[in-house]
Amino acid sequence: MSRNAKIAAGGVAVGIILLFWLPWWAALLIVLGVPAAAYLTLDPVQRRRVRRVTRKEIGR
């Protein structure tokens, strides 16, 4: 299993555990807030690189 697949599987497992342990709105806030906070910590150059890669993957 690749490194990214392991990270994705771990994220899904943590998300399922949070849904049972916390109210649904708190779990949703964590699931959406962590990636948003990570994106906001990037430099403008790194953000452009992330957007460019994302556009290439969806075929633009």
C-alpha atoms as a PDB file:
ATOM      1  CA  MET A   1       0.000   0.000   0.000  1.00  0.00           C
ATOM      2  CA  SER A   2       1.371   3.418  -0.904  1.00  0.00           C
ATOM      3  CA  ARG A   3       2.030   6.120   1.658  1.00  0.00           C
ATOM      4  CA  ASN A   4      -0.881   8.259   0.439  1.00  0.00           C
ATOM      5  CA  ALA A   5      -3.258   5.297   0.597  1.00  0.00           C
ATOM      6  CA  LYS A   6      -2.224   4.652   4.205  1.00  0.00           C
ATOM      7  CA  ILE A   7      -2.862   8.292   5.086  1.00  0.00           C
ATOM      8  CA  ALA A   8      -6.273   8.207   3.388  1.00  0.00           C
ATOM      9  CA  ALA A   9      -7.243   4.995   5.177  1.00  0.00           C
ATOM     10  CA  GLY A  10      -6.182   6.486   8.510  1.00  0.00           C
ATOM     11  CA  GLY A  11      -8.201   9.625   7.816  1.00  0.00           C
ATOM     12  CA  VAL A  12     -11.308   7.604   7.035  1.00  0.00           C
ATOM     13  CA  ALA A  13     -10.858   5.569  10.216  1.00  0.00           C
ATOM     14  CA  VAL A  14     -10.442   8.696  12.336  1.00  0.00           C
ATOM     15  CA  GLY A  15     -13.485  10.274  10.668  1.00  0.00           C
ATOM     16  CA  ILE A  16     -15.669   7.261  11.458  1.00  0.00           C
ATOM     17  CA  ILE A  17     -14.485   7.206  15.070  1.00  0.00           C
ATOM     18  CA  LEU A  18     -15.174  10.935  15.418  1.00  0.00           C
ATOM     19  CA  LEU A  19     -18.699  10.508  14.057  1.00  0.00           C
ATOM     20  CA  PHE A  20     -19.500   8.051  16.847  1.00  0.00           C
ATOM     21  CA  TRP A  21     -17.616   9.890  19.578  1.00  0.00           C
ATOM     22  CA  LEU A  22     -18.607  13.518  18.863  1.00  0.00           C
ATOM     23  CA  PRO A  23     -21.818  15.170  17.712  1.00  0.00           C
ATOM     24  CA  TRP A  24     -22.105  15.159  13.898  1.00  0.00           C
ATOM     25  CA  TRP A  25     -21.552  18.927  13.618  1.00  0.00           C
ATOM     26  CA  ALA A  26     -18.292  18.788  15.609  1.00  0.00           C
ATOM     27  CA  ALA A  27     -16.982  15.915  13.489  1.00  0.00           C
ATOM     28  CA  LEU A  28     -17.906  17.831  10.321  1.00  0.00           C
ATOM     29  CA  LEU A  29     -16.161  20.934  11.639  1.00  0.00           C
ATOM     30  CA  ILE A  30     -12.978  18.956  12.270  1.00  0.00           C
ATOM     31  CA  VAL A  31     -13.106  17.140   8.919  1.00  0.00           C
ATOM     32  CA  LEU A  32     -13.520  20.414   7.011  1.00  0.00           C
ATOM     33  CA  GLY A  33     -11.503  22.676   9.308  1.00  0.00           C
ATOM     34  CA  VAL A  34      -8.218  20.762   9.418  1.00  0.00           C
ATOM     35  CA  PRO A  35      -7.603  20.780   5.629  1.00  0.00           C
ATOM     36  CA  ALA A  36      -8.726  24.420   5.425  1.00  0.00           C
ATOM     37  CA  ALA A  37      -6.319  25.424   8.196  1.00  0.00           C
ATOM     38  CA  ALA A  38      -3.514  23.467   6.512  1.00  0.00           C
ATOM     39  CA  TYR A  39      -4.190  25.253   3.205  1.00  0.00           C
ATOM     40  CA  LEU A  40      -4.166  28.659   4.889  1.00  0.00           C
ATOM     41  CA  THR A  41      -0.737  27.962   6.408  1.00  0.00           C
ATOM     42  CA  LEU A  42       0.839  27.586   2.946  1.00  0.00           C
ATOM     43  CA  ASP A  43       2.841  30.353   1.269  1.00  0.00           C
ATOM     44  CA  PRO A  44       1.210  32.006  -1.775  1.00  0.00           C
ATOM     45  CA  VAL A  45       3.669  30.154  -4.041  1.00  0.00           C
ATOM     46  CA  GLN A  46       2.758  26.813  -2.476  1.00  0.00           C
ATOM     47  CA  ARG A  47      -0.963  27.598  -2.813  1.00  0.00           C
ATOM     48  CA  ARG A  48      -0.496  28.308  -6.543  1.00  0.00           C
ATOM     49  CA  ARG A  49       1.317  24.992  -6.929  1.00  0.00           C
ATOM     50  CA  VAL A  50      -1.507  23.128  -5.153  1.00  0.00           C
ATOM     51  CA  ARG A  51      -4.139  24.789  -7.359  1.00  0.00           C
ATOM     52  CA  ARG A  52      -2.136  24.046 -10.523  1.00  0.00           C
ATOM     53  CA  VAL A  53      -1.764  20.355  -9.645  1.00  0.00           C
ATOM     54  CA  THR A  54      -5.454  20.082  -8.753  1.00  0.00           C
ATOM     55  CA  ARG A  55      -6.482  21.584 -12.114  1.00  0.00           C
ATOM     56  CA  LYS A  56      -4.223  19.174 -14.001  1.00  0.00           C
ATOM     57  CA  GLU A  57      -5.762  16.198 -12.237  1.00  0.00           C
ATOM     58  CA  ILE A  58      -9.333  17.149 -13.188  1.00  0.00           C
ATOM     59  CA  GLY A  59      -8.357  17.634 -16.820  1.00  0.00           C
ATOM     60  CA  ARG A  60      -8.361  21.398 -17.329  1.00  0.00           C
END
